[in-house]
PDB file of all heavy atoms in Angstrom:
ATOM      1  N   ASP A   1      99.685 112.627 107.280  1.00  0.00           N
ATOM      2  CA  ASP A   1     100.658 113.612 106.810  1.00  0.00           C
ATOM      3  C   ASP A   1     101.940 112.921 106.350  1.00  0.00           C
ATOM      4  O   ASP A   1     102.557 113.340 105.361  1.00  0.00           O
ATOM      5  CB  ASP A   1     100.974 114.611 107.924  1.00  0.00           C
ATOM      6  CG  ASP A   1      99.802 115.528 108.230  1.00  0.00           C
ATOM      7  OD1 ASP A   1      98.883 115.610 107.399  1.00  0.00           O
ATOM      8  OD2 ASP A   1      99.802 116.156 109.317  1.00  0.00           O
ATOM      9  N   GLU A   2     102.315 111.868 107.042  1.00  0.00           N
ATOM     10  CA  GLU A   2     103.535 111.135 106.680  1.00  0.00           C
ATOM     11  C   GLU A   2     103.394 110.499 105.300  1.00  0.00           C
ATOM     12  O   GLU A   2     104.320 110.567 104.471  1.00  0.00           O
ATOM     13  CB  GLU A   2     103.828 110.064 107.723  1.00  0.00           C
ATOM     14  CG  GLU A   2     105.111 109.280 107.457  1.00  0.00           C
ATOM     15  CD  GLU A   2     105.386 108.237 108.525  1.00  0.00           C
ATOM     16  OE1 GLU A   2     104.591 108.137 109.491  1.00  0.00           O
ATOM     17  OE2 GLU A   2     106.386 107.519 108.389  1.00  0.00           O
ATOM     18  N   ASP A   3     102.230 109.883 105.040  1.00  0.00           N
ATOM     19  CA  ASP A   3     102.013 109.253 103.738  1.00  0.00           C
ATOM     20  C   ASP A   3     101.933 110.297 102.629  1.00  0.00           C
ATOM     21  O   ASP A   3     102.425 110.073 101.511  1.00  0.00           O
ATOM     22  CB  ASP A   3     100.746 108.413 103.753  1.00  0.00           C
ATOM     23  CG  ASP A   3     100.944 107.077 104.447  1.00  0.00           C
ATOM     24  OD1 ASP A   3     102.107 106.727 104.728  1.00  0.00           O
ATOM     25  OD2 ASP A   3      99.948 106.388 104.710  1.00  0.00           O
ATOM     26  N   LEU A   4     101.312 111.435 102.910  1.00  0.00           N
ATOM     27  CA  LEU A   4     101.242 112.502 101.920  1.00  0.00           C
ATOM     28  C   LEU A   4     102.637 113.000 101.561  1.00  0.00           C
ATOM     29  O   LEU A   4     102.947 113.242 100.395  1.00  0.00           O
ATOM     30  CB  LEU A   4     100.391 113.658 102.438  1.00  0.00           C
ATOM     31  CG  LEU A   4      98.872 113.469 102.387  1.00  0.00           C
ATOM     32  CD1 LEU A   4      98.177 114.581 103.162  1.00  0.00           C
ATOM     33  CD2 LEU A   4      98.377 113.438 100.947  1.00  0.00           C
ATOM     34  N   GLU A   5     103.477 113.152 102.576  1.00  0.00           N
ATOM     35  CA  GLU A   5     104.843 113.619 102.324  1.00  0.00           C
ATOM     36  C   GLU A   5     105.621 112.582 101.509  1.00  0.00           C
ATOM     37  O   GLU A   5     106.333 112.937 100.562  1.00  0.00           O
ATOM     38  CB  GLU A   5     105.547 113.886 103.648  1.00  0.00           C
ATOM     39  CG  GLU A   5     106.972 114.406 103.488  1.00  0.00           C
ATOM     40  CD  GLU A   5     107.653 114.701 104.815  1.00  0.00           C
ATOM     41  OE1 GLU A   5     107.020 114.496 105.874  1.00  0.00           O
ATOM     42  OE2 GLU A   5     108.826 115.128 104.800  1.00  0.00           O
ATOM     43  N   LYS A   6     105.469 111.302 101.883  1.00  0.00           N
ATOM     44  CA  LYS A   6     106.159 110.249 101.152  1.00  0.00           C
ATOM     45  C   LYS A   6     105.680 110.170  99.708  1.00  0.00           C
ATOM     46  O   LYS A   6     106.481 110.029  98.772  1.00  0.00           O
ATOM     47  CB  LYS A   6     105.924 108.900 101.851  1.00  0.00           C
ATOM     48  CG  LYS A   6     106.572 107.711 101.163  1.00  0.00           C
ATOM     49  CD  LYS A   6     108.090 107.795 101.165  1.00  0.00           C
ATOM     50  CE  LYS A   6     108.709 106.527 100.608  1.00  0.00           C
ATOM     51  NZ  LYS A   6     110.184 106.597 100.560  1.00  0.00           N
ATOM     52  N   ALA A   7     104.369 110.288  99.498  1.00  0.00           N
ATOM     53  CA  ALA A   7     103.821 110.255  98.143  1.00  0.00           C
ATOM     54  C   ALA A   7     104.367 111.401  97.312  1.00  0.00           C
ATOM     55  O   ALA A   7     104.683 111.233  96.128  1.00  0.00           O
ATOM     56  CB  ALA A   7     102.297 110.316  98.191  1.00  0.00           C
ATOM     57  N   GLY A   8     104.487 112.570  97.915  1.00  0.00           N
ATOM     58  CA  GLY A   8     105.046 113.723  97.200  1.00  0.00           C
ATOM     59  C   GLY A   8     106.491 113.519  96.829  1.00  0.00           C
ATOM     60  O   GLY A   8     106.931 113.896  95.731  1.00  0.00           O
ATOM     61  N   GLU A   9     107.269 112.917  97.728  1.00  0.00           N
ATOM     62  CA  GLU A   9     108.685 112.655  97.452  1.00  0.00           C
ATOM     63  C   GLU A   9     108.835 111.655  96.304  1.00  0.00           C
ATOM     64  O   GLU A   9     109.696 111.820  95.428  1.00  0.00           O
ATOM     65  CB  GLU A   9     109.370 112.112  98.710  1.00  0.00           C
ATOM     66  CG  GLU A   9     109.504 113.128  99.833  1.00  0.00           C
ATOM     67  CD  GLU A   9     110.023 112.503 101.112  1.00  0.00           C
ATOM     68  OE1 GLU A   9     110.208 111.254 101.139  1.00  0.00           O
ATOM     69  OE2 GLU A   9     110.260 113.245 102.087  1.00  0.00           O
ATOM     70  N   ILE A  10     108.001 110.619  96.313  1.00  0.00           N
ATOM     71  CA  ILE A  10     108.059 109.620  95.239  1.00  0.00           C
ATOM     72  C   ILE A  10     107.695 110.257  93.909  1.00  0.00           C
ATOM     73  O   ILE A  10     108.381 110.064  92.895  1.00  0.00           O
ATOM     74  CB  ILE A  10     107.118 108.443  95.556  1.00  0.00           C
ATOM     75  CG1 ILE A  10     107.632 107.662  96.768  1.00  0.00           C
ATOM     76  CG2 ILE A  10     106.990 107.525  94.343  1.00  0.00           C
ATOM     77  CD1 ILE A  10     106.679 106.586  97.251  1.00  0.00           C
ATOM     78  N   ALA A  11     106.612 111.032  93.879  1.00  0.00           N
ATOM     79  CA  ALA A  11     106.192 111.674  92.632  1.00  0.00           C
ATOM     80  C   ALA A  11     107.248 112.624  92.108  1.00  0.00           C
ATOM     81  O   ALA A  11     107.488 112.704  90.894  1.00  0.00           O
ATOM     82  CB  ALA A  11     104.878 112.424  92.856  1.00  0.00           C
ATOM     83  N   ALA A  12     107.916 113.349  93.008  1.00  0.00           N
ATOM     84  CA  ALA A  12     108.976 114.274  92.592  1.00  0.00           C
ATOM     85  C   ALA A  12     110.108 113.516  91.910  1.00  0.00           C
ATOM     86  O   ALA A  12     110.658 113.975  90.894  1.00  0.00           O
ATOM     87  CB  ALA A  12     109.489 115.058  93.793  1.00  0.00           C
ATOM     88  N   ALA A  13     110.463 112.349  92.447  1.00  0.00           N
ATOM     89  CA  ALA A  13     111.524 111.541  91.833  1.00  0.00           C
ATOM     90  C   ALA A  13     111.081 111.000  90.481  1.00  0.00           C
ATOM     91  O   ALA A  13     111.857 110.985  89.509  1.00  0.00           O
ATOM     92  CB  ALA A  13     111.904 110.388  92.765  1.00  0.00           C
ATOM     93  N   GLN A  14     109.827 110.566  90.392  1.00  0.00           N
ATOM     94  CA  GLN A  14     109.333 109.969  89.148  1.00  0.00           C
ATOM     95  C   GLN A  14     109.267 110.973  88.009  1.00  0.00           C
ATOM     96  O   GLN A  14     109.388 110.599  86.840  1.00  0.00           O
ATOM     97  CB  GLN A  14     107.955 109.349  89.398  1.00  0.00           C
ATOM     98  CG  GLN A  14     108.018 108.106  90.289  1.00  0.00           C
ATOM     99  CD  GLN A  14     106.664 107.601  90.708  1.00  0.00           C
ATOM    100  OE1 GLN A  14     105.738 108.385  90.919  1.00  0.00           O
ATOM    101  NE2 GLN A  14     106.525 106.293  90.847  1.00  0.00           N
ATOM    102  N   ASN A  15     109.094 112.234  88.321  1.00  0.00           N
ATOM    103  CA  ASN A  15     109.019 113.259  87.279  1.00  0.00           C
ATOM    104  C   ASN A  15     110.388 113.661  86.743  1.00  0.00           C
ATOM    105  O   ASN A  15     110.481 114.557  85.895  1.00  0.00           O
ATOM    106  CB  ASN A  15     108.278 114.490  87.807  1.00  0.00           C
ATOM    107  CG  ASN A  15     106.782 114.302  87.796  1.00  0.00           C
ATOM    108  OD1 ASN A  15     106.150 114.227  86.751  1.00  0.00           O
ATOM    109  ND2 ASN A  15     106.198 114.194  88.975  1.00  0.00           N
ATOM    110  N   LEU A  16     111.433 113.013  87.209  1.00  0.00           N
ATOM    111  CA  LEU A  16     112.788 113.316  86.753  1.00  0.00           C
ATOM    112  C   LEU A  16     113.395 112.154  85.972  1.00  0.00           C
ATOM    113  O   LEU A  16     114.564 112.211  85.602  1.00  0.00           O
ATOM    114  CB  LEU A  16     113.695 113.621  87.960  1.00  0.00           C
ATOM    115  CG  LEU A  16     113.269 114.791  88.848  1.00  0.00           C
ATOM    116  CD1 LEU A  16     114.125 114.830  90.112  1.00  0.00           C
ATOM    117  CD2 LEU A  16     113.372 116.104  88.100  1.00  0.00           C
ATOM    118  N   ARG A  17     112.605 111.126  85.692  1.00  0.00           N
ATOM    119  CA  ARG A  17     113.125 109.902  85.085  1.00  0.00           C
ATOM    120  C   ARG A  17     112.129 109.400  84.045  1.00  0.00           C
ATOM    121  O   ARG A  17     111.178 110.072  83.697  1.00  0.00           O
ATOM    122  CB  ARG A  17     113.352 108.843  86.164  1.00  0.00           C
ATOM    123  CG  ARG A  17     112.065 108.484  86.897  1.00  0.00           C
ATOM    124  CD  ARG A  17     112.302 107.676  88.150  1.00  0.00           C
ATOM    125  NE  ARG A  17     112.538 106.262  87.884  1.00  0.00           N
ATOM    126  CZ  ARG A  17     112.807 105.372  88.842  1.00  0.00           C
ATOM    127  NH1 ARG A  17     112.897 105.753  90.098  1.00  0.00           N
ATOM    128  NH2 ARG A  17     113.012 104.107  88.542  1.00  0.00           N
ATOM    129  N   GLY A  18     112.364 108.213  83.532  1.00  0.00           N
ATOM    130  CA  GLY A  18     111.403 107.572  82.645  1.00  0.00           C
ATOM    131  C   GLY A  18     111.582 107.915  81.179  1.00  0.00           C
ATOM    132  O   GLY A  18     112.499 108.635  80.772  1.00  0.00           O
ATOM    133  N   PHE A  19     110.662 107.382  80.380  1.00  0.00           N
ATOM    134  CA  PHE A  19     110.730 107.548  78.929  1.00  0.00           C
ATOM    135  C   PHE A  19     110.779 109.008  78.507  1.00  0.00           C
ATOM    136  O   PHE A  19     111.522 109.378  77.586  1.00  0.00           O
ATOM    137  CB  PHE A  19     109.510 106.888  78.276  1.00  0.00           C
ATOM    138  CG  PHE A  19     109.631 105.405  78.085  1.00  0.00           C
ATOM    139  CD1 PHE A  19     108.749 104.535  78.713  1.00  0.00           C
ATOM    140  CD2 PHE A  19     110.614 104.875  77.268  1.00  0.00           C
ATOM    141  CE1 PHE A  19     108.848 103.172  78.521  1.00  0.00           C
ATOM    142  CE2 PHE A  19     110.729 103.506  77.076  1.00  0.00           C
ATOM    143  CZ  PHE A  19     109.835 102.654  77.710  1.00  0.00           C
ATOM    144  N   HIS A  20     109.995 109.858  79.144  1.00  0.00           N
ATOM    145  CA  HIS A  20     109.871 111.227  78.641  1.00  0.00           C
ATOM    146  C   HIS A  20     111.050 112.110  79.037  1.00  0.00           C
ATOM    147  O   HIS A  20     111.381 113.055  78.324  1.00  0.00           O
ATOM    148  CB  HIS A  20     108.545 111.824  79.078  1.00  0.00           C
ATOM    149  CG  HIS A  20     107.378 111.114  78.468  1.00  0.00           C
ATOM    150  ND1 HIS A  20     107.206 111.024  77.098  1.00  0.00           N
ATOM    151  CD2 HIS A  20     106.353 110.414  79.027  1.00  0.00           C
ATOM    152  CE1 HIS A  20     106.113 110.318  76.846  1.00  0.00           C
ATOM    153  NE2 HIS A  20     105.583 109.938  77.996  1.00  0.00           N
ATOM    154  N   THR A  21     111.705 111.811  80.161  1.00  0.00           N
ATOM    155  CA  THR A  21     112.948 112.508  80.474  1.00  0.00           C
ATOM    156  C   THR A  21     114.006 112.137  79.444  1.00  0.00           C
ATOM    157  O   THR A  21     114.716 113.004  78.917  1.00  0.00           O
ATOM    158  CB  THR A  21     113.431 112.137  81.883  1.00  0.00           C
ATOM    159  OG1 THR A  21     112.491 112.610  82.847  1.00  0.00           O
ATOM    160  CG2 THR A  21     114.789 112.766  82.173  1.00  0.00           C
ATOM    161  N   LEU A  22     114.106 110.849  79.134  1.00  0.00           N
ATOM    162  CA  LEU A  22     115.074 110.432  78.119  1.00  0.00           C
ATOM    163  C   LEU A  22     114.687 110.995  76.757  1.00  0.00           C
ATOM    164  O   LEU A  22     115.567 111.372  75.961  1.00  0.00           O
ATOM    165  CB  LEU A  22     115.147 108.907  78.071  1.00  0.00           C
ATOM    166  CG  LEU A  22     116.269 108.328  77.200  1.00  0.00           C
ATOM    167  CD1 LEU A  22     117.639 108.817  77.666  1.00  0.00           C
ATOM    168  CD2 LEU A  22     116.224 106.804  77.216  1.00  0.00           C
ATOM    169  N   GLU A  23     113.415 111.083  76.495  1.00  0.00           N
ATOM    170  CA  GLU A  23     112.949 111.671  75.239  1.00  0.00           C
ATOM    171  C   GLU A  23     113.473 113.102  75.094  1.00  0.00           C
ATOM    172  O   GLU A  23     113.980 113.484  74.033  1.00  0.00           O
ATOM    173  CB  GLU A  23     111.424 111.668  75.204  1.00  0.00           C
ATOM    174  CG  GLU A  23     110.822 112.287  73.937  1.00  0.00           C
ATOM    175  CD  GLU A  23     109.336 112.519  74.053  1.00  0.00           C
ATOM    176  OE1 GLU A  23     108.786 112.374  75.167  1.00  0.00           O
ATOM    177  OE2 GLU A  23     108.714 112.866  73.032  1.00  0.00           O
ATOM    178  N   PHE A  24     113.350 113.910  76.155  1.00  0.00           N
ATOM    179  CA  PHE A  24     113.863 115.279  76.094  1.00  0.00           C
ATOM    180  C   PHE A  24     115.369 115.293  75.860  1.00  0.00           C
ATOM    181  O   PHE A  24     115.882 116.101  75.082  1.00  0.00           O
ATOM    182  CB  PHE A  24     113.543 116.048  77.381  1.00  0.00           C
ATOM    183  CG  PHE A  24     114.378 117.282  77.532  1.00  0.00           C
ATOM    184  CD1 PHE A  24     114.157 118.391  76.723  1.00  0.00           C
ATOM    185  CD2 PHE A  24     115.421 117.340  78.440  1.00  0.00           C
ATOM    186  CE1 PHE A  24     114.944 119.524  76.829  1.00  0.00           C
ATOM    187  CE2 PHE A  24     116.218 118.460  78.555  1.00  0.00           C
ATOM    188  CZ  PHE A  24     115.978 119.560  77.750  1.00  0.00           C
ATOM    189  N   LEU A  25     116.091 114.401  76.518  1.00  0.00           N
ATOM    190  CA  LEU A  25     117.542 114.383  76.396  1.00  0.00           C
ATOM    191  C   LEU A  25     118.005 113.931  75.014  1.00  0.00           C
ATOM    192  O   LEU A  25     119.106 114.277  74.585  1.00  0.00           O
ATOM    193  CB  LEU A  25     118.142 113.468  77.470  1.00  0.00           C
ATOM    194  CG  LEU A  25     117.947 113.924  78.922  1.00  0.00           C
ATOM    195  CD1 LEU A  25     118.361 112.812  79.891  1.00  0.00           C
ATOM    196  CD2 LEU A  25     118.744 115.190  79.201  1.00  0.00           C
ATOM    197  N   VAL A  26     117.167 113.185  74.310  1.00  0.00           N
ATOM    198  CA  VAL A  26     117.558 112.606  73.013  1.00  0.00           C
ATOM    199  C   VAL A  26     116.986 113.386  71.830  1.00  0.00           C
ATOM    200  O   VAL A  26     117.646 113.490  70.789  1.00  0.00           O
ATOM    201  CB  VAL A  26     117.112 111.131  72.946  1.00  0.00           C
ATOM    202  CG1 VAL A  26     117.301 110.567  71.541  1.00  0.00           C
ATOM    203  CG2 VAL A  26     117.890 110.300  73.955  1.00  0.00           C
ATOM    204  N   PHE A  27     115.772 113.957  71.990  1.00  0.00           N
ATOM    205  CA  PHE A  27     115.081 114.573  70.855  1.00  0.00           C
ATOM    206  C   PHE A  27     114.977 116.089  70.993  1.00  0.00           C
ATOM    207  O   PHE A  27     114.918 116.637  72.090  1.00  0.00           O
ATOM    208  CB  PHE A  27     113.657 114.024  70.738  1.00  0.00           C
ATOM    209  CG  PHE A  27     113.564 112.593  70.314  1.00  0.00           C
ATOM    210  CD1 PHE A  27     113.532 111.579  71.273  1.00  0.00           C
ATOM    211  CD2 PHE A  27     113.485 112.240  68.984  1.00  0.00           C
ATOM    212  CE1 PHE A  27     113.436 110.254  70.905  1.00  0.00           C
ATOM    213  CE2 PHE A  27     113.379 110.919  68.601  1.00  0.00           C
ATOM    214  CZ  PHE A  27     113.357 109.916  69.557  1.00  0.00           C
ATOM    215  N   LYS A  28     114.896 116.730  69.827  1.00  0.00           N
ATOM    216  CA  LYS A  28     114.593 118.158  69.763  1.00  0.00           C
ATOM    217  C   LYS A  28     113.792 118.400  68.481  1.00  0.00           C
ATOM    218  O   LYS A  28     114.254 118.090  67.385  1.00  0.00           O
ATOM    219  CB  LYS A  28     115.870 118.999  69.755  1.00  0.00           C
ATOM    220  CG  LYS A  28     115.599 120.506  69.771  1.00  0.00           C
ATOM    221  CD  LYS A  28     116.894 121.291  69.865  1.00  0.00           C
ATOM    222  CE  LYS A  28     116.618 122.794  69.927  1.00  0.00           C
ATOM    223  NZ  LYS A  28     117.868 123.583  70.040  1.00  0.00           N
ATOM    224  N   LYS A  29     112.581 118.902  68.638  1.00  0.00           N
ATOM    225  CA  LYS A  29     111.697 119.190  67.501  1.00  0.00           C
ATOM    226  C   LYS A  29     111.539 117.984  66.579  1.00  0.00           C
ATOM    227  O   LYS A  29     111.592 118.076  65.359  1.00  0.00           O
ATOM    228  CB  LYS A  29     112.212 120.397  66.722  1.00  0.00           C
ATOM    229  CG  LYS A  29     112.219 121.691  67.538  1.00  0.00           C
ATOM    230  CD  LYS A  29     112.656 122.872  66.712  1.00  0.00           C
ATOM    231  CE  LYS A  29     112.650 124.153  67.551  1.00  0.00           C
ATOM    232  NZ  LYS A  29     113.074 125.343  66.782  1.00  0.00           N
ATOM    233  N   GLY A  30     111.336 116.814  67.196  1.00  0.00           N
ATOM    234  CA  GLY A  30     111.026 115.630  66.437  1.00  0.00           C
ATOM    235  C   GLY A  30     112.213 114.907  65.825  1.00  0.00           C
ATOM    236  O   GLY A  30     112.037 113.893  65.160  1.00  0.00           O
ATOM    237  N   GLN A  31     113.401 115.431  66.043  1.00  0.00           N
ATOM    238  CA  GLN A  31     114.612 114.833  65.478  1.00  0.00           C
ATOM    239  C   GLN A  31     115.611 114.521  66.594  1.00  0.00           C
ATOM    240  O   GLN A  31     115.547 115.130  67.666  1.00  0.00           O
ATOM    241  CB  GLN A  31     115.263 115.778  64.463  1.00  0.00           C
ATOM    242  CG  GLN A  31     114.352 116.154  63.303  1.00  0.00           C
ATOM    243  CD  GLN A  31     114.022 114.982  62.401  1.00  0.00           C
ATOM    244  OE1 GLN A  31     114.846 114.098  62.194  1.00  0.00           O
ATOM    245  NE2 GLN A  31     112.809 114.974  61.855  1.00  0.00           N
ATOM    246  N   ALA A  32     116.500 113.597  66.330  1.00  0.00           N
ATOM    247  CA  ALA A  32     117.567 113.345  67.288  1.00  0.00           C
ATOM    248  C   ALA A  32     118.405 114.607  67.461  1.00  0.00           C
ATOM    249  O   ALA A  32     118.656 115.348  66.499  1.00  0.00           O
ATOM    250  CB  ALA A  32     118.439 112.189  66.804  1.00  0.00           C
ATOM    251  N   ARG A  33     118.790 114.880  68.697  1.00  0.00           N
ATOM    252  CA  ARG A  33     119.685 116.021  68.928  1.00  0.00           C
ATOM    253  C   ARG A  33     121.016 115.811  68.217  1.00  0.00           C
ATOM    254  O   ARG A  33     121.322 114.707  67.761  1.00  0.00           O
ATOM    255  CB  ARG A  33     119.904 116.206  70.423  1.00  0.00           C
ATOM    256  CG  ARG A  33     118.685 116.727  71.189  1.00  0.00           C
ATOM    257  CD  ARG A  33     119.024 116.946  72.646  1.00  0.00           C
ATOM    258  NE  ARG A  33     117.862 117.398  73.399  1.00  0.00           N
ATOM    259  CZ  ARG A  33     117.495 118.663  73.553  1.00  0.00           C
ATOM    260  NH1 ARG A  33     118.229 119.634  72.995  1.00  0.00           N
ATOM    261  NH2 ARG A  33     116.438 118.977  74.271  1.00  0.00           N
TER     262      ARG A  33
END
């Protein structure tokens, strides 16, 4: 249960960062915002 909880916490953090988070912040409908 401890590892499952830790894995969930890590995945939650990873879904808020990375190339695709920056992609959303920079692009809209294929163009720079």
